[in-house]
Amino acid sequence: MNVLEADADHYAALGLPSEEEGLKLSEKEIHRAYKRKAFELHPDKNPGDEEANRKFQKLQSSYEVLKDDKRRKLYDDRLRVKILKRRQQQQQERRRRASSRAGHVAAAAAAEVEVDDESIERLAREYVQRKKQDMDGGKKKKTTVDEEGQRRLQEIRELIIKQKIAAAAR
């Protein structure tokens, strides 16, 4: 078994904990685990198992890597890199999910704003109608009242959007 095999887990092959826990094991613990596992997997102990030879060879290869200081250090270094990459991917995934949730919150706020827009427009029309009636029976310039209503409508929309964005950011 090649030390640099990306998918090889030499610690697990010996029945030991992998990854960070495996990095802390002593040579004595590794040797003890190898003896236990070798006794269990030896082809003479498993005469009916056609895979016994292959399993035992894999065990021996893993032990060879872990008992040699240089090869173990190389394997452990590659394992540390693998662990670090996985952590970075997990962090990126968490950030992506958080960003996605923020996007959903913003979309929900925008949807609420759209619903609120209908109510706002109705209220603005009612406001404009009341203004028209209040102004000398509606005889004053119609465009001035409409412009004021539109301006007020825009102010209300902007205020609601700001409130929704502030609420979504919390």
C-alpha atoms as a PDB file:
ATOM      1  CA  MET A   1       0.000   0.000   0.000  1.00  0.00           C
ATOM      2  CA  ASN A   2       1.405   3.337  -0.999  1.00  0.00           C
ATOM      3  CA  VAL A   3       1.959   5.870   1.786  1.00  0.00           C
ATOM      4  CA  LEU A   4       0.539   8.566  -0.433  1.00  0.00           C
ATOM      5  CA  GLU A   5      -2.718   6.791  -1.240  1.00  0.00           C
ATOM      6  CA  ALA A   6      -5.341   9.447  -0.753  1.00  0.00           C
ATOM      7  CA  ASP A   7      -8.089   7.116   0.449  1.00  0.00           C
ATOM      8  CA  ALA A   8      -5.951   4.814   2.618  1.00  0.00           C
ATOM      9  CA  ASP A   9      -6.705   5.060   6.317  1.00  0.00           C
ATOM     10  CA  HIS A  10      -3.823   3.190   7.905  1.00  0.00           C
ATOM     11  CA  TYR A  11      -5.043   3.791  11.452  1.00  0.00           C
ATOM     12  CA  ALA A  12      -8.505   2.394  10.716  1.00  0.00           C
ATOM     13  CA  ALA A  13      -6.927  -0.648   9.011  1.00  0.00           C
ATOM     14  CA  LEU A  14      -5.394  -1.523  12.383  1.00  0.00           C
ATOM     15  CA  GLY A  15      -8.690  -0.890  14.185  1.00  0.00           C
ATOM     16  CA  LEU A  16      -7.434   2.360  15.679  1.00  0.00           C
ATOM     17  CA  PRO A  17      -9.160   5.736  15.804  1.00  0.00           C
ATOM     18  CA  SER A  18      -8.402   7.805  12.722  1.00  0.00           C
ATOM     19  CA  GLU A  19      -7.588  11.349  11.968  1.00  0.00           C
ATOM     20  CA  GLU A  20      -6.662  13.596  14.906  1.00  0.00           C
ATOM     21  CA  GLU A  21      -6.954  10.825  17.485  1.00  0.00           C
ATOM     22  CA  GLY A  22      -4.722   8.560  15.399  1.00  0.00           C
ATOM     23  CA  LEU A  23      -2.058  11.226  15.201  1.00  0.00           C
ATOM     24  CA  LYS A  24      -1.620  11.042  18.991  1.00  0.00           C
ATOM     25  CA  LEU A  25      -1.056   7.266  19.224  1.00  0.00           C
ATOM     26  CA  SER A  26       2.277   5.892  20.416  1.00  0.00           C
ATOM     27  CA  GLU A  27       4.329   3.242  18.611  1.00  0.00           C
ATOM     28  CA  LYS A  28       3.489   0.807  21.400  1.00  0.00           C
ATOM     29  CA  GLU A  29      -0.274   1.337  20.939  1.00  0.00           C
ATOM     30  CA  ILE A  30       0.082   0.871  17.185  1.00  0.00           C
ATOM     31  CA  HIS A  31       2.118  -2.330  17.652  1.00  0.00           C
ATOM     32  CA  ARG A  32      -0.441  -3.746  20.128  1.00  0.00           C
ATOM     33  CA  ALA A  33      -3.306  -2.955  17.737  1.00  0.00           C
ATOM     34  CA  TYR A  34      -1.435  -4.593  14.860  1.00  0.00           C
ATOM     35  CA  LYS A  35      -0.883  -7.802  16.864  1.00  0.00           C
ATOM     36  CA  ARG A  36      -4.557  -7.976  17.851  1.00  0.00           C
ATOM     37  CA  LYS A  37      -5.767  -7.344  14.304  1.00  0.00           C
ATOM     38  CA  ALA A  38      -3.173  -9.708  12.762  1.00  0.00           C
ATOM     39  CA  PHE A  39      -4.356 -12.505  15.031  1.00  0.00           C
ATOM     40  CA  GLU A  40      -7.952 -11.782  13.980  1.00  0.00           C
ATOM     41  CA  LEU A  41      -7.303 -11.493  10.222  1.00  0.00           C
ATOM     42  CA  HIS A  42      -4.554 -14.069   9.697  1.00  0.00           C
ATOM     43  CA  PRO A  43      -5.441 -16.396   6.774  1.00  0.00           C
ATOM     44  CA  ASP A  44      -4.767 -19.478   8.938  1.00  0.00           C
ATOM     45  CA  LYS A  45      -7.453 -18.264  11.374  1.00  0.00           C
ATOM     46  CA  ASN A  46      -9.929 -17.649   8.514  1.00  0.00           C
ATOM     47  CA  PRO A  47      -9.676 -20.677   6.197  1.00  0.00           C
ATOM     48  CA  GLY A  48     -13.137 -20.131   4.646  1.00  0.00           C
ATOM     49  CA  ASP A  49     -12.606 -16.436   3.851  1.00  0.00           C
ATOM     50  CA  GLU A  50     -11.352 -15.934   0.299  1.00  0.00           C
ATOM     51  CA  GLU A  51     -10.514 -12.310   1.092  1.00  0.00           C
ATOM     52  CA  ALA A  52      -8.392 -13.212   4.134  1.00  0.00           C
ATOM     53  CA  ASN A  53      -5.078 -12.918   2.265  1.00  0.00           C
ATOM     54  CA  ARG A  54      -5.979  -9.511   0.825  1.00  0.00           C
ATOM     55  CA  LYS A  55      -7.190  -8.211   4.199  1.00  0.00           C
ATOM     56  CA  PHE A  56      -4.047  -9.446   5.932  1.00  0.00           C
ATOM     57  CA  GLN A  57      -1.797  -7.883   3.260  1.00  0.00           C
ATOM     58  CA  LYS A  58      -3.608  -4.568   3.674  1.00  0.00           C
ATOM     59  CA  LEU A  59      -3.109  -4.792   7.437  1.00  0.00           C
ATOM     60  CA  GLN A  60       0.605  -5.488   7.013  1.00  0.00           C
ATOM     61  CA  SER A  61       1.026  -2.615   4.554  1.00  0.00           C
ATOM     62  CA  SER A  62      -0.683  -0.199   6.921  1.00  0.00           C
ATOM     63  CA  TYR A  63       1.454  -1.383   9.802  1.00  0.00           C
ATOM     64  CA  GLU A  64       4.609  -0.948   7.702  1.00  0.00           C
ATOM     65  CA  VAL A  65       3.653   2.681   7.082  1.00  0.00           C
ATOM     66  CA  LEU A  66       2.865   3.398  10.732  1.00  0.00           C
ATOM     67  CA  LYS A  67       5.890   1.670  12.278  1.00  0.00           C
ATOM     68  CA  ASP A  68       8.424   3.489  10.068  1.00  0.00           C
ATOM     69  CA  ASP A  69       8.980   6.970  11.547  1.00  0.00           C
ATOM     70  CA  LYS A  70       9.606   8.723   8.228  1.00  0.00           C
ATOM     71  CA  ARG A  71       6.679   7.112   6.430  1.00  0.00           C
ATOM     72  CA  ARG A  72       4.360   7.718   9.385  1.00  0.00           C
ATOM     73  CA  LYS A  73       5.374  11.378   9.559  1.00  0.00           C
ATOM     74  CA  LEU A  74       4.694  11.746   5.831  1.00  0.00           C
ATOM     75  CA  TYR A  75       1.332   9.995   6.191  1.00  0.00           C
ATOM     76  CA  ASP A  76       0.407  12.072   9.266  1.00  0.00           C
ATOM     77  CA  ASP A  77       1.319  15.294   7.459  1.00  0.00           C
ATOM     78  CA  ARG A  78      -0.925  14.360   4.547  1.00  0.00           C
ATOM     79  CA  LEU A  79      -3.663  13.421   7.013  1.00  0.00           C
ATOM     80  CA  ARG A  80      -3.373  16.830   8.717  1.00  0.00           C
ATOM     81  CA  VAL A  81      -3.734  18.540   5.337  1.00  0.00           C
ATOM     82  CA  LYS A  82      -6.796  16.419   4.571  1.00  0.00           C
ATOM     83  CA  ILE A  83      -8.348  17.326   7.942  1.00  0.00           C
ATOM     84  CA  LEU A  84      -7.603  21.018   7.388  1.00  0.00           C
ATOM     85  CA  LYS A  85      -9.149  20.972   3.901  1.00  0.00           C
ATOM     86  CA  ARG A  86     -12.298  19.295   5.212  1.00  0.00           C
ATOM     87  CA  ARG A  87     -12.622  21.906   7.977  1.00  0.00           C
ATOM     88  CA  GLN A  88     -12.227  24.707   5.445  1.00  0.00           C
ATOM     89  CA  GLN A  89     -14.891  23.135   3.238  1.00  0.00           C
ATOM     90  CA  GLN A  90     -17.216  22.838   6.226  1.00  0.00           C
ATOM     91  CA  GLN A  91     -16.643  26.502   7.091  1.00  0.00           C
ATOM     92  CA  GLN A  92     -17.312  27.518   3.494  1.00  0.00           C
ATOM     93  CA  GLU A  93     -20.493  25.427   3.492  1.00  0.00           C
ATOM     94  CA  ARG A  94     -21.649  27.072   6.745  1.00  0.00           C
ATOM     95  CA  ARG A  95     -20.947  30.517   5.255  1.00  0.00           C
ATOM     96  CA  ARG A  96     -22.793  29.571   2.069  1.00  0.00           C
ATOM     97  CA  ARG A  97     -25.799  28.350   4.063  1.00  0.00           C
ATOM     98  CA  ALA A  98     -25.784  31.512   6.200  1.00  0.00           C
ATOM     99  CA  SER A  99     -25.599  33.636   3.071  1.00  0.00           C
ATOM    100  CA  SER A 100     -28.407  31.636   1.524  1.00  0.00           C
ATOM    101  CA  ARG A 101     -30.544  32.096   4.650  1.00  0.00           C
ATOM    102  CA  ALA A 102     -29.880  35.845   4.531  1.00  0.00           C
ATOM    103  CA  GLY A 103     -30.948  35.827   0.887  1.00  0.00           C
ATOM    104  CA  HIS A 104     -34.157  34.010   1.794  1.00  0.00           C
ATOM    105  CA  VAL A 105     -34.851  36.490   4.589  1.00  0.00           C
ATOM    106  CA  ALA A 106     -34.297  39.386   2.197  1.00  0.00           C
ATOM    107  CA  ALA A 107     -36.564  37.750  -0.390  1.00  0.00           C
ATOM    108  CA  ALA A 108     -39.242  37.199   2.250  1.00  0.00           C
ATOM    109  CA  ALA A 109     -38.926  40.820   3.341  1.00  0.00           C
ATOM    110  CA  ALA A 110     -39.206  41.924  -0.279  1.00  0.00           C
ATOM    111  CA  ALA A 111     -42.314  39.767  -0.691  1.00  0.00           C
ATOM    112  CA  GLU A 112     -43.803  41.395   2.395  1.00  0.00           C
ATOM    113  CA  VAL A 113     -42.938  44.794   0.979  1.00  0.00           C
ATOM    114  CA  GLU A 114     -44.760  43.888  -2.227  1.00  0.00           C
ATOM    115  CA  VAL A 115     -47.818  42.900  -0.215  1.00  0.00           C
ATOM    116  CA  ASP A 116     -47.449  46.092   1.776  1.00  0.00           C
ATOM    117  CA  ASP A 117     -47.164  48.065  -1.485  1.00  0.00           C
ATOM    118  CA  GLU A 118     -50.741  47.142  -2.343  1.00  0.00           C
ATOM    119  CA  SER A 119     -51.929  48.363   1.044  1.00  0.00           C
ATOM    120  CA  ILE A 120     -49.793  51.474   0.730  1.00  0.00           C
ATOM    121  CA  GLU A 121     -51.168  52.292  -2.687  1.00  0.00           C
ATOM    122  CA  ARG A 122     -54.725  51.827  -1.419  1.00  0.00           C
ATOM    123  CA  LEU A 123     -53.973  54.081   1.573  1.00  0.00           C
ATOM    124  CA  ALA A 124     -52.311  56.626  -0.696  1.00  0.00           C
ATOM    125  CA  ARG A 125     -55.333  56.701  -3.009  1.00  0.00           C
ATOM    126  CA  GLU A 126     -57.601  57.190  -0.006  1.00  0.00           C
ATOM    127  CA  TYR A 127     -55.307  59.964   1.235  1.00  0.00           C
ATOM    128  CA  VAL A 128     -55.384  61.658  -2.162  1.00  0.00           C
ATOM    129  CA  GLN A 129     -59.181  61.409  -2.266  1.00  0.00           C
ATOM    130  CA  ARG A 130     -59.494  62.939   1.206  1.00  0.00           C
ATOM    131  CA  LYS A 131     -57.105  65.733   0.222  1.00  0.00           C
ATOM    132  CA  LYS A 132     -59.137  66.425  -2.894  1.00  0.00           C
ATOM    133  CA  GLN A 133     -62.324  66.640  -0.898  1.00  0.00           C
ATOM    134  CA  ASP A 134     -60.720  68.841   1.766  1.00  0.00           C
ATOM    135  CA  MET A 135     -59.407  71.343  -0.789  1.00  0.00           C
ATOM    136  CA  ASP A 136     -62.375  73.532  -1.586  1.00  0.00           C
ATOM    137  CA  GLY A 137     -64.527  70.699  -2.717  1.00  0.00           C
ATOM    138  CA  GLY A 138     -61.788  69.322  -4.963  1.00  0.00           C
ATOM    139  CA  LYS A 139     -61.569  72.471  -7.158  1.00  0.00           C
ATOM    140  CA  LYS A 140     -57.862  73.139  -6.592  1.00  0.00           C
ATOM    141  CA  LYS A 141     -55.234  71.903  -9.006  1.00  0.00           C
ATOM    142  CA  LYS A 142     -55.618  68.166  -9.361  1.00  0.00           C
ATOM    143  CA  THR A 143     -51.979  67.561 -10.362  1.00  0.00           C
ATOM    144  CA  THR A 144     -50.652  69.167  -7.166  1.00  0.00           C
ATOM    145  CA  VAL A 145     -52.675  66.819  -4.958  1.00  0.00           C
ATOM    146  CA  ASP A 146     -51.702  63.791  -7.083  1.00  0.00           C
ATOM    147  CA  GLU A 147     -48.027  64.759  -6.957  1.00  0.00           C
ATOM    148  CA  GLU A 148     -48.151  65.162  -3.190  1.00  0.00           C
ATOM    149  CA  GLY A 149     -49.864  61.776  -2.828  1.00  0.00           C
ATOM    150  CA  GLN A 150     -47.248  60.122  -5.025  1.00  0.00           C
ATOM    151  CA  ARG A 151     -44.449  61.727  -3.031  1.00  0.00           C
ATOM    152  CA  ARG A 152     -45.968  60.520   0.253  1.00  0.00           C
ATOM    153  CA  LEU A 153     -46.458  57.055  -1.216  1.00  0.00           C
ATOM    154  CA  GLN A 154     -42.780  56.909  -2.210  1.00  0.00           C
ATOM    155  CA  GLU A 155     -41.690  58.066   1.262  1.00  0.00           C
ATOM    156  CA  ILE A 156     -43.785  55.366   2.901  1.00  0.00           C
ATOM    157  CA  ARG A 157     -42.399  52.677   0.562  1.00  0.00           C
ATOM    158  CA  GLU A 158     -38.813  53.717   1.282  1.00  0.00           C
ATOM    159  CA  LEU A 159     -39.455  53.708   5.024  1.00  0.00           C
ATOM    160  CA  ILE A 160     -40.934  50.197   4.924  1.00  0.00           C
ATOM    161  CA  ILE A 161     -38.071  48.866   2.802  1.00  0.00           C
ATOM    162  CA  LYS A 162     -35.516  50.321   5.239  1.00  0.00           C
ATOM    163  CA  GLN A 163     -37.350  48.721   8.171  1.00  0.00           C
ATOM    164  CA  LYS A 164     -37.508  45.322   6.430  1.00  0.00           C
ATOM    165  CA  ILE A 165     -33.810  45.411   5.544  1.00  0.00           C
ATOM    166  CA  ALA A 166     -32.882  46.383   9.105  1.00  0.00           C
ATOM    167  CA  ALA A 167     -35.040  43.549  10.476  1.00  0.00           C
ATOM    168  CA  ALA A 168     -33.515  41.046   8.024  1.00  0.00           C
ATOM    169  CA  ALA A 169     -29.989  42.082   9.017  1.00  0.00           C
ATOM    170  CA  ARG A 170     -30.649  41.252  12.676  1.00  0.00           C
END
